[in-house]
């Protein structure tokens, strides 16, 4: 439960959007990022895919360590 998967997008070293597994959705930090996050959050299959990344990357590697 202490594991969080974060996937972020950057432009000119500024974070413009982020997916957080603890929130289960995308969050935008710029005007462009807000529009992208809104579009991605409307797609249930893409959100399910992103939510599964925690299991794929994080839990798999934690078990190795």
PDB file of N, CA and C in Angstrom:
ATOM      1  N   UNK A   1       0.809  -1.217   0.000  1.00  0.00           N
ATOM      2  CA  UNK A   1       0.000   0.000   0.000  1.00  0.00           C
ATOM      3  C   UNK A   1       0.842   1.266   0.000  1.00  0.00           C
ATOM      4  N   UNK A   2       2.121   1.132   0.318  1.00  0.00           N
ATOM      5  CA  UNK A   2       2.999   2.296   0.357  1.00  0.00           C
ATOM      6  C   UNK A   2       3.631   2.600  -0.988  1.00  0.00           C
ATOM      7  N   UNK A   3       3.291   1.834  -2.006  1.00  0.00           N
ATOM      8  CA  UNK A   3       3.888   2.006  -3.325  1.00  0.00           C
ATOM      9  C   UNK A   3       2.998   2.912  -4.168  1.00  0.00           C
ATOM     10  N   UNK A   4       3.652   3.834  -4.899  1.00  0.00           N
ATOM     11  CA  UNK A   4       2.907   4.712  -5.805  1.00  0.00           C
ATOM     12  C   UNK A   4       3.608   4.753  -7.154  1.00  0.00           C
ATOM     13  N   UNK A   5       2.847   4.574  -8.211  1.00  0.00           N
ATOM     14  CA  UNK A   5       3.358   4.690  -9.576  1.00  0.00           C
ATOM     15  C   UNK A   5       3.030   6.093 -10.064  1.00  0.00           C
ATOM     16  N   UNK A   6       4.055   6.820 -10.505  1.00  0.00           N
ATOM     17  CA  UNK A   6       3.868   8.175 -11.033  1.00  0.00           C
ATOM     18  C   UNK A   6       4.460   8.224 -12.431  1.00  0.00           C
ATOM     19  N   UNK A   7       3.681   8.730 -13.380  1.00  0.00           N
ATOM     20  CA  UNK A   7       4.112   8.893 -14.766  1.00  0.00           C
ATOM     21  C   UNK A   7       3.853  10.346 -15.140  1.00  0.00           C
ATOM     22  N   UNK A   8       4.931  11.081 -15.439  1.00  0.00           N
ATOM     23  CA  UNK A   8       4.815  12.519 -15.677  1.00  0.00           C
ATOM     24  C   UNK A   8       5.286  12.891 -17.067  1.00  0.00           C
ATOM     25  N   UNK A   9       4.750  14.004 -17.557  1.00  0.00           N
ATOM     26  CA  UNK A   9       5.193  14.577 -18.816  1.00  0.00           C
ATOM     27  C   UNK A   9       5.797  15.949 -18.562  1.00  0.00           C
ATOM     28  N   UNK A  10       6.929  16.205 -19.189  1.00  0.00           N
ATOM     29  CA  UNK A  10       7.648  17.466 -18.982  1.00  0.00           C
ATOM     30  C   UNK A  10       7.874  18.179 -20.310  1.00  0.00           C
ATOM     31  N   UNK A  11       7.935  19.491 -20.235  1.00  0.00           N
ATOM     32  CA  UNK A  11       8.309  20.324 -21.377  1.00  0.00           C
ATOM     33  C   UNK A  11       9.124  21.489 -20.831  1.00  0.00           C
ATOM     34  N   UNK A  12      10.322  21.685 -21.391  1.00  0.00           N
ATOM     35  CA  UNK A  12      11.236  22.723 -20.910  1.00  0.00           C
ATOM     36  C   UNK A  12      11.467  22.620 -19.403  1.00  0.00           C
ATOM     37  N   UNK A  13      11.650  21.397 -18.935  1.00  0.00           N
ATOM     38  CA  UNK A  13      11.921  21.088 -17.530  1.00  0.00           C
ATOM     39  C   UNK A  13      10.784  21.452 -16.584  1.00  0.00           C
ATOM     40  N   UNK A  14       9.600  21.705 -17.106  1.00  0.00           N
ATOM     41  CA  UNK A  14       8.417  21.961 -16.287  1.00  0.00           C
ATOM     42  C   UNK A  14       7.469  20.783 -16.418  1.00  0.00           C
ATOM     43  N   UNK A  15       6.955  20.314 -15.299  1.00  0.00           N
ATOM     44  CA  UNK A  15       5.984  19.222 -15.329  1.00  0.00           C
ATOM     45  C   UNK A  15       4.656  19.778 -15.833  1.00  0.00           C
ATOM     46  N   UNK A  16       4.116  19.142 -16.884  1.00  0.00           N
ATOM     47  CA  UNK A  16       2.864  19.651 -17.457  1.00  0.00           C
ATOM     48  C   UNK A  16       1.673  18.766 -17.103  1.00  0.00           C
ATOM     49  N   UNK A  17       1.899  17.471 -16.869  1.00  0.00           N
ATOM     50  CA  UNK A  17       0.842  16.562 -16.436  1.00  0.00           C
ATOM     51  C   UNK A  17       1.467  15.403 -15.685  1.00  0.00           C
ATOM     52  N   UNK A  18       0.609  14.703 -14.918  1.00  0.00           N
ATOM     53  CA  UNK A  18       1.082  13.559 -14.132  1.00  0.00           C
ATOM     54  C   UNK A  18      -0.056  12.574 -13.923  1.00  0.00           C
ATOM     55  N   UNK A  19       0.289  11.282 -14.022  1.00  0.00           N
ATOM     56  CA  UNK A  19      -0.629  10.226 -13.592  1.00  0.00           C
ATOM     57  C   UNK A  19      -0.109   9.714 -12.264  1.00  0.00           C
ATOM     58  N   UNK A  20      -0.968   9.640 -11.290  1.00  0.00           N
ATOM     59  CA  UNK A  20      -0.618   9.124  -9.977  1.00  0.00           C
ATOM     60  C   UNK A  20      -1.513   7.931  -9.668  1.00  0.00           C
ATOM     61  N   UNK A  21      -0.894   6.805  -9.313  1.00  0.00           N
ATOM     62  CA  UNK A  21      -1.699   5.619  -9.010  1.00  0.00           C
ATOM     63  C   UNK A  21      -2.500   5.797  -7.727  1.00  0.00           C
ATOM     64  N   UNK A  22      -2.061   6.662  -6.834  1.00  0.00           N
ATOM     65  CA  UNK A  22      -2.844   6.869  -5.612  1.00  0.00           C
ATOM     66  C   UNK A  22      -4.126   7.651  -5.903  1.00  0.00           C
ATOM     67  N   UNK A  23      -4.087   8.544  -6.887  1.00  0.00           N
ATOM     68  CA  UNK A  23      -5.297   9.252  -7.311  1.00  0.00           C
ATOM     69  C   UNK A  23      -6.091   8.442  -8.328  1.00  0.00           C
ATOM     70  N   UNK A  24      -5.379   7.661  -9.135  1.00  0.00           N
ATOM     71  CA  UNK A  24      -6.024   6.849 -10.159  1.00  0.00           C
ATOM     72  C   UNK A  24      -6.447   7.649 -11.375  1.00  0.00           C
ATOM     73  N   UNK A  25      -5.851   8.817 -11.570  1.00  0.00           N
ATOM     74  CA  UNK A  25      -6.199   9.656 -12.719  1.00  0.00           C
ATOM     75  C   UNK A  25      -5.048  10.600 -13.052  1.00  0.00           C
ATOM     76  N   UNK A  26      -5.200  11.288 -14.183  1.00  0.00           N
ATOM     77  CA  UNK A  26      -4.225  12.282 -14.612  1.00  0.00           C
ATOM     78  C   UNK A  26      -4.566  13.637 -14.011  1.00  0.00           C
ATOM     79  N   UNK A  27      -3.533  14.418 -13.743  1.00  0.00           N
ATOM     80  CA  UNK A  27      -3.686  15.779 -13.249  1.00  0.00           C
ATOM     81  C   UNK A  27      -2.828  16.679 -14.130  1.00  0.00           C
ATOM     82  N   UNK A  28      -3.365  17.809 -14.544  1.00  0.00           N
ATOM     83  CA  UNK A  28      -2.622  18.758 -15.364  1.00  0.00           C
ATOM     84  C   UNK A  28      -2.129  19.931 -14.541  1.00  0.00           C
ATOM     85  N   UNK A  29      -0.968  20.458 -14.931  1.00  0.00           N
ATOM     86  CA  UNK A  29      -0.370  21.583 -14.216  1.00  0.00           C
ATOM     87  C   UNK A  29      -0.232  22.830 -15.075  1.00  0.00           C
ATOM     88  N   UNK A  30      -0.451  22.693 -16.374  1.00  0.00           N
ATOM     89  CA  UNK A  30      -0.427  23.839 -17.284  1.00  0.00           C
ATOM     90  C   UNK A  30      -1.726  23.804 -18.090  1.00  0.00           C
ATOM     91  N   UNK A  31      -1.956  24.829 -18.880  1.00  0.00           N
ATOM     92  CA  UNK A  31      -3.173  24.858 -19.702  1.00  0.00           C
ATOM     93  C   UNK A  31      -3.219  23.646 -20.628  1.00  0.00           C
ATOM     94  N   UNK A  32      -2.104  23.375 -21.291  1.00  0.00           N
ATOM     95  CA  UNK A  32      -2.025  22.212 -22.174  1.00  0.00           C
ATOM     96  C   UNK A  32      -2.193  20.914 -21.379  1.00  0.00           C
ATOM     97  N   UNK A  33      -1.522  20.826 -20.241  1.00  0.00           N
ATOM     98  CA  UNK A  33      -1.598  19.635 -19.406  1.00  0.00           C
ATOM     99  C   UNK A  33      -3.000  19.368 -18.887  1.00  0.00           C
ATOM    100  N   UNK A  34      -3.729  20.430 -18.552  1.00  0.00           N
ATOM    101  CA  UNK A  34      -5.109  20.266 -18.091  1.00  0.00           C
ATOM    102  C   UNK A  34      -5.992  19.680 -19.182  1.00  0.00           C
ATOM    103  N   UNK A  35      -5.797  20.147 -20.425  1.00  0.00           N
ATOM    104  CA  UNK A  35      -6.577  19.618 -21.545  1.00  0.00           C
ATOM    105  C   UNK A  35      -6.252  18.147 -21.796  1.00  0.00           C
ATOM    106  N   UNK A  36      -4.961  17.809 -21.750  1.00  0.00           N
ATOM    107  CA  UNK A  36      -4.551  16.420 -21.964  1.00  0.00           C
ATOM    108  C   UNK A  36      -5.102  15.519 -20.860  1.00  0.00           C
ATOM    109  N   UNK A  37      -4.977  15.970 -19.620  1.00  0.00           N
ATOM    110  CA  UNK A  37      -5.462  15.181 -18.490  1.00  0.00           C
ATOM    111  C   UNK A  37      -6.962  14.956 -18.601  1.00  0.00           C
ATOM    112  N   UNK A  38      -7.692  15.967 -18.980  1.00  0.00           N
ATOM    113  CA  UNK A  38      -9.141  15.843 -19.133  1.00  0.00           C
ATOM    114  C   UNK A  38      -9.493  14.797 -20.191  1.00  0.00           C
ATOM    115  N   UNK A  39      -8.789  14.831 -21.319  1.00  0.00           N
ATOM    116  CA  UNK A  39      -9.040  13.860 -22.392  1.00  0.00           C
ATOM    117  C   UNK A  39      -8.693  12.444 -21.951  1.00  0.00           C
ATOM    118  N   UNK A  40      -7.547  12.258 -21.309  1.00  0.00           N
ATOM    119  CA  UNK A  40      -7.139  10.918 -20.873  1.00  0.00           C
ATOM    120  C   UNK A  40      -8.056  10.387 -19.787  1.00  0.00           C
ATOM    121  N   UNK A  41      -8.532  11.261 -18.899  1.00  0.00           N
ATOM    122  CA  UNK A  41      -9.423  10.818 -17.821  1.00  0.00           C
ATOM    123  C   UNK A  41     -10.795  10.402 -18.326  1.00  0.00           C
ATOM    124  N   UNK A  42     -11.156  10.813 -19.540  1.00  0.00           N
ATOM    125  CA  UNK A  42     -12.436  10.428 -20.134  1.00  0.00           C
ATOM    126  C   UNK A  42     -12.386   9.028 -20.758  1.00  0.00           C
ATOM    127  N   UNK A  43     -11.190   8.480 -20.924  1.00  0.00           N
ATOM    128  CA  UNK A  43     -11.011   7.188 -21.587  1.00  0.00           C
ATOM    129  C   UNK A  43     -10.822   6.083 -20.534  1.00  0.00           C
ATOM    130  N   UNK A  44     -11.873   5.335 -20.205  1.00  0.00           N
ATOM    131  CA  UNK A  44     -11.767   4.334 -19.138  1.00  0.00           C
ATOM    132  C   UNK A  44     -10.763   3.221 -19.434  1.00  0.00           C
ATOM    133  N   UNK A  45     -10.590   2.858 -20.696  1.00  0.00           N
ATOM    134  CA  UNK A  45      -9.634   1.791 -21.009  1.00  0.00           C
ATOM    135  C   UNK A  45      -8.198   2.265 -20.809  1.00  0.00           C
ATOM    136  N   UNK A  46      -7.919   3.524 -21.140  1.00  0.00           N
ATOM    137  CA  UNK A  46      -6.567   4.056 -20.926  1.00  0.00           C
ATOM    138  C   UNK A  46      -6.286   4.218 -19.429  1.00  0.00           C
ATOM    139  N   UNK A  47      -7.278   4.658 -18.662  1.00  0.00           N
ATOM    140  CA  UNK A  47      -7.094   4.767 -17.214  1.00  0.00           C
ATOM    141  C   UNK A  47      -6.842   3.393 -16.600  1.00  0.00           C
ATOM    142  N   UNK A  48      -7.559   2.388 -17.042  1.00  0.00           N
ATOM    143  CA  UNK A  48      -7.346   1.033 -16.530  1.00  0.00           C
ATOM    144  C   UNK A  48      -5.939   0.546 -16.858  1.00  0.00           C
ATOM    145  N   UNK A  49      -5.476   0.863 -18.049  1.00  0.00           N
ATOM    146  CA  UNK A  49      -4.120   0.490 -18.452  1.00  0.00           C
ATOM    147  C   UNK A  49      -3.086   1.171 -17.560  1.00  0.00           C
ATOM    148  N   UNK A  50      -3.282   2.443 -17.283  1.00  0.00           N
ATOM    149  CA  UNK A  50      -2.329   3.179 -16.437  1.00  0.00           C
ATOM    150  C   UNK A  50      -2.377   2.686 -14.991  1.00  0.00           C
ATOM    151  N   UNK A  51      -3.563   2.359 -14.509  1.00  0.00           N
ATOM    152  CA  UNK A  51      -3.688   1.843 -13.142  1.00  0.00           C
ATOM    153  C   UNK A  51      -2.991   0.495 -12.998  1.00  0.00           C
ATOM    154  N   UNK A  52      -2.966  -0.290 -14.062  1.00  0.00           N
ATOM    155  CA  UNK A  52      -2.315  -1.602 -14.031  1.00  0.00           C
ATOM    156  C   UNK A  52      -0.794  -1.483 -14.022  1.00  0.00           C
ATOM    157  N   UNK A  53      -0.260  -0.331 -14.370  1.00  0.00           N
ATOM    158  CA  UNK A  53       1.194  -0.154 -14.398  1.00  0.00           C
ATOM    159  C   UNK A  53       1.819  -0.324 -13.019  1.00  0.00           C
ATOM    160  N   UNK A  54       1.087   0.011 -11.974  1.00  0.00           N
ATOM    161  CA  UNK A  54       1.599  -0.181 -10.608  1.00  0.00           C
ATOM    162  C   UNK A  54       1.915  -1.655 -10.373  1.00  0.00           C
ATOM    163  N   UNK A  55       1.004  -2.515 -10.784  1.00  0.00           N
ATOM    164  CA  UNK A  55       1.227  -3.958 -10.634  1.00  0.00           C
ATOM    165  C   UNK A  55       2.383  -4.422 -11.517  1.00  0.00           C
ATOM    166  N   UNK A  56       2.421  -3.912 -12.748  1.00  0.00           N
ATOM    167  CA  UNK A  56       3.414  -4.352 -13.715  1.00  0.00           C
ATOM    168  C   UNK A  56       4.831  -3.954 -13.320  1.00  0.00           C
ATOM    169  N   UNK A  57       5.029  -2.695 -12.959  1.00  0.00           N
ATOM    170  CA  UNK A  57       6.374  -2.195 -12.681  1.00  0.00           C
ATOM    171  C   UNK A  57       6.738  -2.231 -11.206  1.00  0.00           C
ATOM    172  N   UNK A  58       5.908  -1.663 -10.387  1.00  0.00           N
ATOM    173  CA  UNK A  58       6.270  -1.468  -8.984  1.00  0.00           C
ATOM    174  C   UNK A  58       6.269  -2.772  -8.190  1.00  0.00           C
ATOM    175  N   UNK A  59       5.158  -3.468  -8.170  1.00  0.00           N
ATOM    176  CA  UNK A  59       5.055  -4.671  -7.343  1.00  0.00           C
ATOM    177  C   UNK A  59       5.998  -5.753  -7.820  1.00  0.00           C
ATOM    178  N   UNK A  60       6.201  -5.850  -9.128  1.00  0.00           N
ATOM    179  CA  UNK A  60       7.145  -6.840  -9.660  1.00  0.00           C
ATOM    180  C   UNK A  60       8.555  -6.569  -9.146  1.00  0.00           C
ATOM    181  N   UNK A  61       8.990  -5.329  -9.209  1.00  0.00           N
ATOM    182  CA  UNK A  61      10.351  -4.996  -8.783  1.00  0.00           C
ATOM    183  C   UNK A  61      10.515  -4.999  -7.267  1.00  0.00           C
ATOM    184  N   UNK A  62       9.486  -4.699  -6.532  1.00  0.00           N
ATOM    185  CA  UNK A  62       9.560  -4.783  -5.075  1.00  0.00           C
ATOM    186  C   UNK A  62       9.800  -6.219  -4.640  1.00  0.00           C
ATOM    187  N   UNK A  63       9.138  -7.162  -5.304  1.00  0.00           N
ATOM    188  CA  UNK A  63       9.322  -8.570  -4.957  1.00  0.00           C
ATOM    189  C   UNK A  63      10.748  -9.034  -5.215  1.00  0.00           C
ATOM    190  N   UNK A  64      11.397  -8.448  -6.204  1.00  0.00           N
ATOM    191  CA  UNK A  64      12.785  -8.815  -6.517  1.00  0.00           C
ATOM    192  C   UNK A  64      13.714  -8.322  -5.414  1.00  0.00           C
ATOM    193  N   UNK A  65      13.474  -7.097  -4.930  1.00  0.00           N
ATOM    194  CA  UNK A  65      14.329  -6.529  -3.877  1.00  0.00           C
ATOM    195  C   UNK A  65      14.015  -7.166  -2.541  1.00  0.00           C
TER     196      UNK A  65
END
